[in-house]
Amino acid sequence: MATEAFTVRAESDIVHQIDFLADALDRSRNYLVNLALKEYLETHAWQIEKVIQGMAAADRGELVAHEDVMREMEALVELKVKGQM
């Protein structure tokens, strides 16, 4: 895969943490930063897609009443407290 260089300014403590992890894992700073960026982008792309899907569902009127959601959550909490989950 092709790569491109770009510059990022980070707080010193972040750079030190990256360097510590890179040394501990016997990896380069570049490797860790690329891994972190990839994971960040994947996570946020997934979250944004879910928000867009939710907004589209709401626009179509596909909603669940707050009371129904709370009732279901309370039932799940009760099961968890009783150790049945």
PDB file of N, CA and C in Angstrom:
ATOM      1  N   MET A   1       0.845  -1.178   0.000  1.00  0.00           N
ATOM      2  CA  MET A   1       0.000   0.000   0.000  1.00  0.00           C
ATOM      3  C   MET A   1       0.891   1.242   0.000  1.00  0.00           C
ATOM      4  N   ALA A   2       0.519   2.213  -0.790  1.00  0.00           N
ATOM      5  CA  ALA A   2       1.284   3.457  -0.868  1.00  0.00           C
ATOM      6  C   ALA A   2       1.164   4.235   0.435  1.00  0.00           C
ATOM      7  N   THR A   3       2.210   4.933   0.786  1.00  0.00           N
ATOM      8  CA  THR A   3       2.188   5.759   1.990  1.00  0.00           C
ATOM      9  C   THR A   3       2.473   7.193   1.621  1.00  0.00           C
ATOM     10  N   GLU A   4       2.079   8.083   2.504  1.00  0.00           N
ATOM     11  CA  GLU A   4       2.289   9.509   2.324  1.00  0.00           C
ATOM     12  C   GLU A   4       2.751  10.086   3.642  1.00  0.00           C
ATOM     13  N   ALA A   5       3.692  10.964   3.607  1.00  0.00           N
ATOM     14  CA  ALA A   5       4.188  11.597   4.828  1.00  0.00           C
ATOM     15  C   ALA A   5       3.351  12.830   5.144  1.00  0.00           C
ATOM     16  N   PHE A   6       3.106  13.030   6.442  1.00  0.00           N
ATOM     17  CA  PHE A   6       2.495  14.268   6.913  1.00  0.00           C
ATOM     18  C   PHE A   6       2.980  14.515   8.331  1.00  0.00           C
ATOM     19  N   THR A   7       2.901  15.734   8.768  1.00  0.00           N
ATOM     20  CA  THR A   7       3.426  16.110  10.078  1.00  0.00           C
ATOM     21  C   THR A   7       2.284  16.338  11.051  1.00  0.00           C
ATOM     22  N   VAL A   8       2.478  15.849  12.259  1.00  0.00           N
ATOM     23  CA  VAL A   8       1.495  16.048  13.325  1.00  0.00           C
ATOM     24  C   VAL A   8       2.237  16.568  14.544  1.00  0.00           C
ATOM     25  N   ARG A   9       1.687  17.580  15.160  1.00  0.00           N
ATOM     26  CA  ARG A   9       2.247  18.071  16.414  1.00  0.00           C
ATOM     27  C   ARG A   9       1.412  17.481  17.541  1.00  0.00           C
ATOM     28  N   ALA A  10       2.080  16.884  18.511  1.00  0.00           N
ATOM     29  CA  ALA A  10       1.390  16.255  19.632  1.00  0.00           C
ATOM     30  C   ALA A  10       1.990  16.745  20.939  1.00  0.00           C
ATOM     31  N   GLU A  11       1.204  16.648  21.988  1.00  0.00           N
ATOM     32  CA  GLU A  11       1.703  17.008  23.312  1.00  0.00           C
ATOM     33  C   GLU A  11       2.861  16.083  23.677  1.00  0.00           C
ATOM     34  N   SER A  12       3.817  16.625  24.392  1.00  0.00           N
ATOM     35  CA  SER A  12       5.016  15.864  24.743  1.00  0.00           C
ATOM     36  C   SER A  12       4.701  14.560  25.454  1.00  0.00           C
ATOM     37  N   ASP A  13       3.732  14.575  26.364  1.00  0.00           N
ATOM     38  CA  ASP A  13       3.428  13.340  27.100  1.00  0.00           C
ATOM     39  C   ASP A  13       2.871  12.261  26.175  1.00  0.00           C
ATOM     40  N   ILE A  14       2.151  12.650  25.136  1.00  0.00           N
ATOM     41  CA  ILE A  14       1.638  11.671  24.167  1.00  0.00           C
ATOM     42  C   ILE A  14       2.803  11.062  23.384  1.00  0.00           C
ATOM     43  N   VAL A  15       3.726  11.910  22.965  1.00  0.00           N
ATOM     44  CA  VAL A  15       4.889  11.421  22.222  1.00  0.00           C
ATOM     45  C   VAL A  15       5.698  10.462  23.099  1.00  0.00           C
ATOM     46  N   HIS A  16       5.870  10.809  24.378  1.00  0.00           N
ATOM     47  CA  HIS A  16       6.622   9.935  25.286  1.00  0.00           C
ATOM     48  C   HIS A  16       5.909   8.599  25.480  1.00  0.00           C
ATOM     49  N   GLN A  17       4.588   8.627  25.569  1.00  0.00           N
ATOM     50  CA  GLN A  17       3.836   7.376  25.701  1.00  0.00           C
ATOM     51  C   GLN A  17       3.973   6.519  24.452  1.00  0.00           C
ATOM     52  N   ILE A  18       3.901   7.142  23.294  1.00  0.00           N
ATOM     53  CA  ILE A  18       4.076   6.402  22.038  1.00  0.00           C
ATOM     54  C   ILE A  18       5.472   5.787  21.991  1.00  0.00           C
ATOM     55  N   ASP A  19       6.476   6.580  22.348  1.00  0.00           N
ATOM     56  CA  ASP A  19       7.850   6.070  22.323  1.00  0.00           C
ATOM     57  C   ASP A  19       8.034   4.921  23.317  1.00  0.00           C
ATOM     58  N   PHE A  20       7.430   5.030  24.491  1.00  0.00           N
ATOM     59  CA  PHE A  20       7.520   3.966  25.491  1.00  0.00           C
ATOM     60  C   PHE A  20       6.905   2.677  24.949  1.00  0.00           C
ATOM     61  N   LEU A  21       5.692   2.792  24.382  1.00  0.00           N
ATOM     62  CA  LEU A  21       5.031   1.603  23.825  1.00  0.00           C
ATOM     63  C   LEU A  21       5.805   1.032  22.648  1.00  0.00           C
ATOM     64  N   ALA A  22       6.297   1.895  21.808  1.00  0.00           N
ATOM     65  CA  ALA A  22       7.071   1.438  20.645  1.00  0.00           C
ATOM     66  C   ALA A  22       8.288   0.646  21.103  1.00  0.00           C
ATOM     67  N   ASP A  23       8.962   1.153  22.101  1.00  0.00           N
ATOM     68  CA  ASP A  23      10.141   0.457  22.622  1.00  0.00           C
ATOM     69  C   ASP A  23       9.739  -0.870  23.268  1.00  0.00           C
ATOM     70  N   ALA A  24       8.684  -0.855  24.067  1.00  0.00           N
ATOM     71  CA  ALA A  24       8.239  -2.067  24.759  1.00  0.00           C
ATOM     72  C   ALA A  24       7.792  -3.145  23.779  1.00  0.00           C
ATOM     73  N   LEU A  25       7.205  -2.730  22.662  1.00  0.00           N
ATOM     74  CA  LEU A  25       6.691  -3.687  21.674  1.00  0.00           C
ATOM     75  C   LEU A  25       7.685  -3.961  20.546  1.00  0.00           C
ATOM     76  N   ASP A  26       8.829  -3.317  20.624  1.00  0.00           N
ATOM     77  CA  ASP A  26       9.842  -3.428  19.573  1.00  0.00           C
ATOM     78  C   ASP A  26       9.249  -3.061  18.203  1.00  0.00           C
ATOM     79  N   ARG A  27       8.513  -1.971  18.197  1.00  0.00           N
ATOM     80  CA  ARG A  27       7.887  -1.431  16.988  1.00  0.00           C
ATOM     81  C   ARG A  27       8.319   0.010  16.819  1.00  0.00           C
ATOM     82  N   SER A  28       8.101   0.548  15.653  1.00  0.00           N
ATOM     83  CA  SER A  28       8.454   1.950  15.414  1.00  0.00           C
ATOM     84  C   SER A  28       7.315   2.864  15.860  1.00  0.00           C
ATOM     85  N   ARG A  29       7.673   4.106  16.094  1.00  0.00           N
ATOM     86  CA  ARG A  29       6.666   5.132  16.397  1.00  0.00           C
ATOM     87  C   ARG A  29       5.676   5.208  15.236  1.00  0.00           C
ATOM     88  N   ASN A  30       6.180   5.148  14.019  1.00  0.00           N
ATOM     89  CA  ASN A  30       5.346   5.205  12.823  1.00  0.00           C
ATOM     90  C   ASN A  30       4.299   4.074  12.821  1.00  0.00           C
ATOM     91  N   TYR A  31       4.736   2.864  13.162  1.00  0.00           N
ATOM     92  CA  TYR A  31       3.823   1.721  13.197  1.00  0.00           C
ATOM     93  C   TYR A  31       2.673   1.975  14.179  1.00  0.00           C
ATOM     94  N   LEU A  32       3.008   2.418  15.390  1.00  0.00           N
ATOM     95  CA  LEU A  32       1.970   2.649  16.402  1.00  0.00           C
ATOM     96  C   LEU A  32       1.016   3.770  16.018  1.00  0.00           C
ATOM     97  N   VAL A  33       1.544   4.836  15.463  1.00  0.00           N
ATOM     98  CA  VAL A  33       0.686   5.952  15.059  1.00  0.00           C
ATOM     99  C   VAL A  33      -0.247   5.513  13.939  1.00  0.00           C
ATOM    100  N   ASN A  34       0.261   4.766  12.975  1.00  0.00           N
ATOM    101  CA  ASN A  34      -0.601   4.264  11.903  1.00  0.00           C
ATOM    102  C   ASN A  34      -1.674   3.330  12.434  1.00  0.00           C
ATOM    103  N   LEU A  35      -1.306   2.459  13.373  1.00  0.00           N
ATOM    104  CA  LEU A  35      -2.278   1.555  13.981  1.00  0.00           C
ATOM    105  C   LEU A  35      -3.359   2.345  14.719  1.00  0.00           C
ATOM    106  N   ALA A  36      -2.943   3.336  15.487  1.00  0.00           N
ATOM    107  CA  ALA A  36      -3.896   4.158  16.231  1.00  0.00           C
ATOM    108  C   ALA A  36      -4.833   4.916  15.294  1.00  0.00           C
ATOM    109  N   LEU A  37      -4.286   5.482  14.231  1.00  0.00           N
ATOM    110  CA  LEU A  37      -5.118   6.206  13.266  1.00  0.00           C
ATOM    111  C   LEU A  37      -6.120   5.280  12.590  1.00  0.00           C
ATOM    112  N   LYS A  38      -5.664   4.096  12.201  1.00  0.00           N
ATOM    113  CA  LYS A  38      -6.552   3.124  11.545  1.00  0.00           C
ATOM    114  C   LYS A  38      -7.703   2.737  12.473  1.00  0.00           C
ATOM    115  N   GLU A  39      -7.388   2.422  13.732  1.00  0.00           N
ATOM    116  CA  GLU A  39      -8.430   2.037  14.690  1.00  0.00           C
ATOM    117  C   GLU A  39      -9.393   3.195  14.954  1.00  0.00           C
ATOM    118  N   TYR A  40      -8.874   4.396  15.084  1.00  0.00           N
ATOM    119  CA  TYR A  40      -9.711   5.572  15.299  1.00  0.00           C
ATOM    120  C   TYR A  40     -10.676   5.776  14.130  1.00  0.00           C
ATOM    121  N   LEU A  41     -10.144   5.715  12.921  1.00  0.00           N
ATOM    122  CA  LEU A  41     -10.972   5.935  11.733  1.00  0.00           C
ATOM    123  C   LEU A  41     -12.042   4.857  11.586  1.00  0.00           C
ATOM    124  N   GLU A  42     -11.677   3.598  11.827  1.00  0.00           N
ATOM    125  CA  GLU A  42     -12.648   2.508  11.738  1.00  0.00           C
ATOM    126  C   GLU A  42     -13.762   2.687  12.769  1.00  0.00           C
ATOM    127  N   THR A  43     -13.390   3.018  13.989  1.00  0.00           N
ATOM    128  CA  THR A  43     -14.378   3.196  15.058  1.00  0.00           C
ATOM    129  C   THR A  43     -15.314   4.346  14.752  1.00  0.00           C
ATOM    130  N   HIS A  44     -14.766   5.468  14.366  1.00  0.00           N
ATOM    131  CA  HIS A  44     -15.607   6.637  14.135  1.00  0.00           C
ATOM    132  C   HIS A  44     -16.434   6.515  12.861  1.00  0.00           C
ATOM    133  N   ALA A  45     -15.920   5.843  11.853  1.00  0.00           N
ATOM    134  CA  ALA A  45     -16.717   5.609  10.645  1.00  0.00           C
ATOM    135  C   ALA A  45     -17.925   4.746  10.995  1.00  0.00           C
ATOM    136  N   TRP A  46     -17.720   3.724  11.829  1.00  0.00           N
ATOM    137  CA  TRP A  46     -18.816   2.848  12.254  1.00  0.00           C
ATOM    138  C   TRP A  46     -19.851   3.648  13.042  1.00  0.00           C
ATOM    139  N   GLN A  47     -19.390   4.476  13.981  1.00  0.00           N
ATOM    140  CA  GLN A  47     -20.306   5.269  14.799  1.00  0.00           C
ATOM    141  C   GLN A  47     -21.103   6.251  13.940  1.00  0.00           C
ATOM    142  N   ILE A  48     -20.444   6.917  13.030  1.00  0.00           N
ATOM    143  CA  ILE A  48     -21.129   7.884  12.173  1.00  0.00           C
ATOM    144  C   ILE A  48     -22.165   7.184  11.305  1.00  0.00           C
ATOM    145  N   GLU A  49     -21.830   6.019  10.764  1.00  0.00           N
ATOM    146  CA  GLU A  49     -22.783   5.265   9.944  1.00  0.00           C
ATOM    147  C   GLU A  49     -24.010   4.883  10.768  1.00  0.00           C
ATOM    148  N   LYS A  50     -23.810   4.464  12.013  1.00  0.00           N
ATOM    149  CA  LYS A  50     -24.940   4.092  12.872  1.00  0.00           C
ATOM    150  C   LYS A  50     -25.811   5.313  13.191  1.00  0.00           C
ATOM    151  N   VAL A  51     -25.197   6.452  13.404  1.00  0.00           N
ATOM    152  CA  VAL A  51     -25.966   7.681  13.666  1.00  0.00           C
ATOM    153  C   VAL A  51     -26.793   8.045  12.439  1.00  0.00           C
ATOM    154  N   ILE A  52     -26.186   7.971  11.261  1.00  0.00           N
ATOM    155  CA  ILE A  52     -26.906   8.272  10.019  1.00  0.00           C
ATOM    156  C   ILE A  52     -28.076   7.311   9.836  1.00  0.00           C
ATOM    157  N   GLN A  53     -27.859   6.017  10.089  1.00  0.00           N
ATOM    158  CA  GLN A  53     -28.935   5.026   9.985  1.00  0.00           C
ATOM    159  C   GLN A  53     -30.044   5.327  10.982  1.00  0.00           C
ATOM    160  N   GLY A  54     -29.674   5.709  12.198  1.00  0.00           N
ATOM    161  CA  GLY A  54     -30.665   6.032  13.220  1.00  0.00           C
ATOM    162  C   GLY A  54     -31.489   7.259  12.861  1.00  0.00           C
ATOM    163  N   MET A  55     -30.833   8.258  12.318  1.00  0.00           N
ATOM    164  CA  MET A  55     -31.551   9.470  11.914  1.00  0.00           C
ATOM    165  C   MET A  55     -32.507   9.168  10.763  1.00  0.00           C
ATOM    166  N   ALA A  56     -32.080   8.328   9.833  1.00  0.00           N
ATOM    167  CA  ALA A  56     -32.946   7.949   8.710  1.00  0.00           C
ATOM    168  C   ALA A  56     -34.154   7.161   9.224  1.00  0.00           C
ATOM    169  N   ALA A  57     -33.923   6.268  10.180  1.00  0.00           N
ATOM    170  CA  ALA A  57     -35.030   5.494  10.759  1.00  0.00           C
ATOM    171  C   ALA A  57     -36.004   6.432  11.477  1.00  0.00           C
ATOM    172  N   ALA A  58     -35.477   7.410  12.200  1.00  0.00           N
ATOM    173  CA  ALA A  58     -36.333   8.378  12.891  1.00  0.00           C
ATOM    174  C   ALA A  58     -37.147   9.192  11.886  1.00  0.00           C
ATOM    175  N   ASP A  59     -36.512   9.586  10.794  1.00  0.00           N
ATOM    176  CA  ASP A  59     -37.221  10.331   9.751  1.00  0.00           C
ATOM    177  C   ASP A  59     -38.366   9.510   9.155  1.00  0.00           C
ATOM    178  N   ARG A  60     -38.193   8.180   9.138  1.00  0.00           N
ATOM    179  CA  ARG A  60     -39.253   7.294   8.625  1.00  0.00           C
ATOM    180  C   ARG A  60     -40.302   6.983   9.692  1.00  0.00           C
ATOM    181  N   GLY A  61     -40.093   7.511  10.905  1.00  0.00           N
ATOM    182  CA  GLY A  61     -41.047   7.277  11.987  1.00  0.00           C
ATOM    183  C   GLY A  61     -40.811   5.974  12.734  1.00  0.00           C
ATOM    184  N   GLU A  62     -39.686   5.347  12.505  1.00  0.00           N
ATOM    185  CA  GLU A  62     -39.359   4.080  13.162  1.00  0.00           C
ATOM    186  C   GLU A  62     -38.731   4.372  14.526  1.00  0.00           C
ATOM    187  N   LEU A  63     -39.558   4.694  15.487  1.00  0.00           N
ATOM    188  CA  LEU A  63     -39.104   5.094  16.809  1.00  0.00           C
ATOM    189  C   LEU A  63     -39.645   4.142  17.873  1.00  0.00           C
ATOM    190  N   VAL A  64     -38.945   4.099  18.999  1.00  0.00           N
ATOM    191  CA  VAL A  64     -39.398   3.325  20.155  1.00  0.00           C
ATOM    192  C   VAL A  64     -39.618   4.325  21.276  1.00  0.00           C
ATOM    193  N   ALA A  65     -40.755   4.224  21.928  1.00  0.00           N
ATOM    194  CA  ALA A  65     -41.092   5.157  23.008  1.00  0.00           C
ATOM    195  C   ALA A  65     -40.077   5.034  24.142  1.00  0.00           C
ATOM    196  N   HIS A  66     -39.755   6.158  24.745  1.00  0.00           N
ATOM    197  CA  HIS A  66     -38.792   6.191  25.852  1.00  0.00           C
ATOM    198  C   HIS A  66     -39.197   5.222  26.960  1.00  0.00           C
ATOM    199  N   GLU A  67     -40.479   5.203  27.294  1.00  0.00           N
ATOM    200  CA  GLU A  67     -40.966   4.330  28.361  1.00  0.00           C
ATOM    201  C   GLU A  67     -40.704   2.856  28.038  1.00  0.00           C
ATOM    202  N   ASP A  68     -40.861   2.482  26.774  1.00  0.00           N
ATOM    203  CA  ASP A  68     -40.609   1.089  26.366  1.00  0.00           C
ATOM    204  C   ASP A  68     -39.128   0.737  26.510  1.00  0.00           C
ATOM    205  N   VAL A  69     -38.269   1.658  26.117  1.00  0.00           N
ATOM    206  CA  VAL A  69     -36.830   1.426  26.234  1.00  0.00           C
ATOM    207  C   VAL A  69     -36.451   1.281  27.708  1.00  0.00           C
ATOM    208  N   MET A  70     -36.974   2.165  28.550  1.00  0.00           N
ATOM    209  CA  MET A  70     -36.643   2.116  29.972  1.00  0.00           C
ATOM    210  C   MET A  70     -37.143   0.829  30.613  1.00  0.00           C
ATOM    211  N   ARG A  71     -38.324   0.385  30.227  1.00  0.00           N
ATOM    212  CA  ARG A  71     -38.869  -0.863  30.752  1.00  0.00           C
ATOM    213  C   ARG A  71     -37.961  -2.036  30.394  1.00  0.00           C
ATOM    214  N   GLU A  72     -37.515  -2.075  29.155  1.00  0.00           N
ATOM    215  CA  GLU A  72     -36.626  -3.151  28.709  1.00  0.00           C
ATOM    216  C   GLU A  72     -35.279  -3.088  29.433  1.00  0.00           C
ATOM    217  N   MET A  73     -34.740  -1.900  29.590  1.00  0.00           N
ATOM    218  CA  MET A  73     -33.453  -1.752  30.283  1.00  0.00           C
ATOM    219  C   MET A  73     -33.575  -2.169  31.749  1.00  0.00           C
ATOM    220  N   GLU A  74     -34.658  -1.783  32.398  1.00  0.00           N
ATOM    221  CA  GLU A  74     -34.856  -2.167  33.799  1.00  0.00           C
ATOM    222  C   GLU A  74     -34.959  -3.683  33.936  1.00  0.00           C
ATOM    223  N   ALA A  75     -35.607  -4.341  32.986  1.00  0.00           N
ATOM    224  CA  ALA A  75     -35.718  -5.803  33.014  1.00  0.00           C
ATOM    225  C   ALA A  75     -34.338  -6.438  32.843  1.00  0.00           C
ATOM    226  N   LEU A  76     -33.513  -5.885  31.948  1.00  0.00           N
ATOM    227  CA  LEU A  76     -32.165  -6.409  31.755  1.00  0.00           C
ATOM    228  C   LEU A  76     -31.301  -6.216  32.996  1.00  0.00           C
ATOM    229  N   VAL A  77     -31.427  -5.064  33.632  1.00  0.00           N
ATOM    230  CA  VAL A  77     -30.668  -4.795  34.862  1.00  0.00           C
ATOM    231  C   VAL A  77     -31.091  -5.777  35.948  1.00  0.00           C
ATOM    232  N   GLU A  78     -32.372  -6.018  36.062  1.00  0.00           N
ATOM    233  CA  GLU A  78     -32.875  -6.951  37.077  1.00  0.00           C
ATOM    234  C   GLU A  78     -32.316  -8.358  36.834  1.00  0.00           C
ATOM    235  N   LEU A  79     -32.294  -8.795  35.581  1.00  0.00           N
ATOM    236  CA  LEU A  79     -31.727 -10.103  35.267  1.00  0.00           C
ATOM    237  C   LEU A  79     -30.244 -10.161  35.628  1.00  0.00           C
ATOM    238  N   LYS A  80     -29.529  -9.090  35.334  1.00  0.00           N
ATOM    239  CA  LYS A  80     -28.098  -9.026  35.635  1.00  0.00           C
ATOM    240  C   LYS A  80     -27.871  -9.086  37.145  1.00  0.00           C
ATOM    241  N   VAL A  81     -28.679  -8.348  37.902  1.00  0.00           N
ATOM    242  CA  VAL A  81     -28.538  -8.319  39.360  1.00  0.00           C
ATOM    243  C   VAL A  81     -28.819  -9.706  39.943  1.00  0.00           C
ATOM    244  N   LYS A  82     -29.772 -10.410  39.381  1.00  0.00           N
ATOM    245  CA  LYS A  82     -30.120 -11.742  39.862  1.00  0.00           C
ATOM    246  C   LYS A  82     -29.142 -12.807  39.372  1.00  0.00           C
ATOM    247  N   GLY A  83     -28.196 -12.405  38.516  1.00  0.00           N
ATOM    248  CA  GLY A  83     -27.207 -13.340  38.016  1.00  0.00           C
ATOM    249  C   GLY A  83     -27.724 -14.258  36.922  1.00  0.00           C
ATOM    250  N   GLN A  84     -28.805 -13.874  36.293  1.00  0.00           N
ATOM    251  CA  GLN A  84     -29.391 -14.697  35.239  1.00  0.00           C
ATOM    252  C   GLN A  84     -28.933 -14.267  33.848  1.00  0.00           C
ATOM    253  N   MET A  85     -27.956 -13.411  33.823  1.00  0.00           N
ATOM    254  CA  MET A  85     -27.479 -12.918  32.522  1.00  0.00           C
ATOM    255  C   MET A  85     -25.997 -12.996  32.453  1.00  0.00           C
TER     256      MET A  85
END
